[in-house]
Amino acid sequence: MPGVSINSWYEALGSQYGVVIQCEGNPVKVREKLYALRRDAKDPDLECLSIVQSPSNLSQLWIVKRLENENT
């Protein structure tokens, strides 16, 4: 999958809110690949991030920071 790498997770981690991933193929496959990359990285710092489907553009996924109270 072109453009899908662990760097997307670290870009989201370093941003204020997250990043947008433009999916050229099936967003479900892209999501699976991104979660596999995060799992393989074994970096606990990335656990504060989630992937959300854009409500307005089905070819976009967002990697966003979870709200603090979501972890409780």
C-alpha atoms as a PDB file:
ATOM      1  CA  MET A   1       0.000   0.000   0.000  1.00  0.00           C
ATOM      2  CA  PRO A   2       1.747   3.123  -1.165  1.00  0.00           C
ATOM      3  CA  GLY A   3       1.995   5.907   1.387  1.00  0.00           C
ATOM      4  CA  VAL A   4       1.143   3.718   4.389  1.00  0.00           C
ATOM      5  CA  SER A   5       3.985   3.566   6.897  1.00  0.00           C
ATOM      6  CA  ILE A   6       4.752   3.808  10.595  1.00  0.00           C
ATOM      7  CA  ASN A   7       5.634   7.445   9.918  1.00  0.00           C
ATOM      8  CA  SER A   8       1.915   8.242   9.747  1.00  0.00           C
ATOM      9  CA  TRP A   9       1.565   7.254  13.409  1.00  0.00           C
ATOM     10  CA  TYR A  10       4.524   9.398  14.467  1.00  0.00           C
ATOM     11  CA  GLU A  11       3.264  12.361  12.431  1.00  0.00           C
ATOM     12  CA  ALA A  12      -0.070  12.083  14.238  1.00  0.00           C
ATOM     13  CA  LEU A  13       1.679  11.782  17.592  1.00  0.00           C
ATOM     14  CA  GLY A  14       3.662  14.955  16.917  1.00  0.00           C
ATOM     15  CA  SER A  15       0.688  16.968  15.670  1.00  0.00           C
ATOM     16  CA  GLN A  16      -1.843  18.860  17.750  1.00  0.00           C
ATOM     17  CA  TYR A  17      -4.857  16.740  16.742  1.00  0.00           C
ATOM     18  CA  GLY A  18      -3.775  14.074  14.254  1.00  0.00           C
ATOM     19  CA  VAL A  19      -3.330  13.472  10.530  1.00  0.00           C
ATOM     20  CA  VAL A  20      -5.455  12.637   7.502  1.00  0.00           C
ATOM     21  CA  ILE A  21      -4.637   9.532   5.469  1.00  0.00           C
ATOM     22  CA  GLN A  22      -5.957   9.581   1.910  1.00  0.00           C
ATOM     23  CA  CYS A  23      -6.832   6.003   0.917  1.00  0.00           C
ATOM     24  CA  GLU A  24      -6.302   5.074  -2.697  1.00  0.00           C
ATOM     25  CA  GLY A  25      -7.796   1.649  -2.173  1.00  0.00           C
ATOM     26  CA  ASN A  26     -10.003  -0.021   0.380  1.00  0.00           C
ATOM     27  CA  PRO A  27      -9.995   2.024   3.637  1.00  0.00           C
ATOM     28  CA  VAL A  28     -10.580  -1.142   5.674  1.00  0.00           C
ATOM     29  CA  LYS A  29      -7.358  -2.669   4.313  1.00  0.00           C
ATOM     30  CA  VAL A  30      -5.476   0.568   4.949  1.00  0.00           C
ATOM     31  CA  ARG A  31      -6.774   0.641   8.549  1.00  0.00           C
ATOM     32  CA  GLU A  32      -5.691  -2.985   9.065  1.00  0.00           C
ATOM     33  CA  LYS A  33      -2.220  -2.210   7.694  1.00  0.00           C
ATOM     34  CA  LEU A  34      -1.860   0.871   9.905  1.00  0.00           C
ATOM     35  CA  TYR A  35      -2.861  -1.038  13.047  1.00  0.00           C
ATOM     36  CA  ALA A  36      -0.422  -3.843  12.130  1.00  0.00           C
ATOM     37  CA  LEU A  37       2.373  -1.287  11.754  1.00  0.00           C
ATOM     38  CA  ARG A  38       1.566   0.192  15.176  1.00  0.00           C
ATOM     39  CA  ARG A  39       1.454  -3.246  16.784  1.00  0.00           C
ATOM     40  CA  ASP A  40       4.784  -4.221  15.219  1.00  0.00           C
ATOM     41  CA  ALA A  41       6.408  -0.982  16.404  1.00  0.00           C
ATOM     42  CA  LYS A  42       5.672  -1.973  20.030  1.00  0.00           C
ATOM     43  CA  ASP A  43       5.809   1.696  21.029  1.00  0.00           C
ATOM     44  CA  PRO A  44       3.497   2.456  23.975  1.00  0.00           C
ATOM     45  CA  ASP A  45       3.548   6.163  23.068  1.00  0.00           C
ATOM     46  CA  LEU A  46       1.405   5.346  20.020  1.00  0.00           C
ATOM     47  CA  GLU A  47      -1.405   3.847  22.132  1.00  0.00           C
ATOM     48  CA  CYS A  48      -2.955   7.295  22.647  1.00  0.00           C
ATOM     49  CA  LEU A  49      -3.887   7.350  18.941  1.00  0.00           C
ATOM     50  CA  SER A  50      -6.875   5.857  17.136  1.00  0.00           C
ATOM     51  CA  ILE A  51      -8.030   5.591  13.550  1.00  0.00           C
ATOM     52  CA  VAL A  52     -11.377   7.150  12.645  1.00  0.00           C
ATOM     53  CA  GLN A  53     -13.229   7.057   9.324  1.00  0.00           C
ATOM     54  CA  SER A  54     -13.898  10.549   8.014  1.00  0.00           C
ATOM     55  CA  PRO A  55     -17.641  11.221   8.239  1.00  0.00           C
ATOM     56  CA  SER A  56     -17.551  13.420   5.132  1.00  0.00           C
ATOM     57  CA  ASN A  57     -15.050  11.617   2.874  1.00  0.00           C
ATOM     58  CA  LEU A  58     -15.113   7.813   2.832  1.00  0.00           C
ATOM     59  CA  SER A  59     -11.680   7.670   1.178  1.00  0.00           C
ATOM     60  CA  GLN A  60     -10.058   9.322   4.212  1.00  0.00           C
ATOM     61  CA  LEU A  61      -8.979   7.895   7.522  1.00  0.00           C
ATOM     62  CA  TRP A  62      -7.920  10.087  10.402  1.00  0.00           C
ATOM     63  CA  ILE A  63      -5.295   9.121  12.947  1.00  0.00           C
ATOM     64  CA  VAL A  64      -6.343  11.174  15.954  1.00  0.00           C
ATOM     65  CA  LYS A  65      -5.370  11.612  19.562  1.00  0.00           C
ATOM     66  CA  ARG A  66      -7.861  10.171  22.017  1.00  0.00           C
ATOM     67  CA  LEU A  67      -9.332  12.419  24.632  1.00  0.00           C
ATOM     68  CA  GLU A  68      -7.828  11.882  28.094  1.00  0.00           C
ATOM     69  CA  ASN A  69     -11.132  10.739  29.620  1.00  0.00           C
ATOM     70  CA  GLU A  70     -11.585   8.007  26.979  1.00  0.00           C
ATOM     71  CA  ASN A  71      -8.922   5.913  28.694  1.00  0.00           C
ATOM     72  CA  THR A  72     -10.797   5.743  31.996  1.00  0.00           C
END
